[in-house]
Amino acid sequence: MKIRKCPLCGIYTLKEECPTCKSKTIVAKPARFSPQDPYGRYRRRMKREMGKDAY
């Protein structure tokens, strides 16, 4: 069993169908960790420009 996320309304669930909007959910897994973090500078810049609510 894996946690899933609805791409339309953004809620998390364990079901394959969103209980709110009845759309198909996707597996919500984070990006793979890398000590080199090739996209870290872009992520930090976006976070600075968009504020704390960027994620």
Protein backbone atom coordinates (compact mmCIF):
# COMPACT_ATOMS: atom_id res chain seq x y z
CA MET A 1 0.00 0.00 0.00
CA LYS A 2 1.41 3.40 -1.02
CA ILE A 3 0.24 6.93 -0.39
CA ARG A 4 -1.35 8.51 -3.43
CA LYS A 5 -2.20 12.09 -4.43
CA CYS A 6 -5.02 13.47 -6.53
CA PRO A 7 -3.58 15.62 -9.35
CA LEU A 8 -6.76 17.72 -9.54
CA CYS A 9 -7.63 18.63 -5.95
CA GLY A 10 -4.27 17.81 -4.30
CA ILE A 11 -5.47 15.64 -1.40
CA TYR A 12 -3.58 12.55 -0.26
CA THR A 13 -5.25 9.16 0.06
CA LEU A 14 -4.52 5.44 -0.03
CA LYS A 15 -7.25 4.81 -2.61
CA GLU A 16 -6.81 4.64 -6.38
CA GLU A 17 -9.76 6.98 -6.83
CA CYS A 18 -10.01 10.38 -5.16
CA PRO A 19 -12.80 10.37 -2.56
CA THR A 20 -13.51 14.06 -3.24
CA CYS A 21 -13.52 14.49 -7.03
CA LYS A 22 -13.48 10.82 -8.17
CA SER A 23 -10.45 11.29 -10.46
CA LYS A 24 -7.62 8.75 -10.71
CA THR A 25 -4.83 9.27 -8.15
CA ILE A 26 -1.08 8.96 -8.72
CA VAL A 27 1.64 7.56 -6.45
CA ALA A 28 3.16 10.45 -4.50
CA LYS A 29 6.81 9.63 -4.14
CA PRO A 30 9.50 12.27 -3.60
CA ALA A 31 12.43 12.86 -5.91
CA ARG A 32 15.43 10.62 -5.36
CA PHE A 33 17.98 11.98 -2.88
CA SER A 34 21.38 12.92 -4.25
CA PRO A 35 24.23 14.39 -2.18
CA GLN A 36 25.30 16.41 -5.24
CA ASP A 37 21.75 17.86 -5.62
CA PRO A 38 22.04 19.04 -9.25
CA TYR A 39 18.81 21.10 -9.08
CA GLY A 40 19.29 22.55 -5.60
CA ARG A 41 20.18 26.05 -6.74
CA TYR A 42 17.04 26.24 -8.92
CA ARG A 43 14.83 24.98 -6.09
CA ARG A 44 16.33 27.48 -3.63
CA ARG A 45 15.92 30.35 -6.12
CA MET A 46 12.28 29.43 -6.73
CA LYS A 47 11.68 29.23 -2.98
CA ARG A 48 13.22 32.70 -2.50
CA GLU A 49 11.22 34.25 -5.36
CA MET A 50 7.89 32.62 -4.52
CA GLY A 51 8.16 32.78 -0.75
CA LYS A 52 7.60 30.07 1.82
CA ASP A 53 4.52 28.65 0.05
CA ALA A 54 6.52 27.47 -2.98
CA TYR A 55 6.13 23.84 -1.94
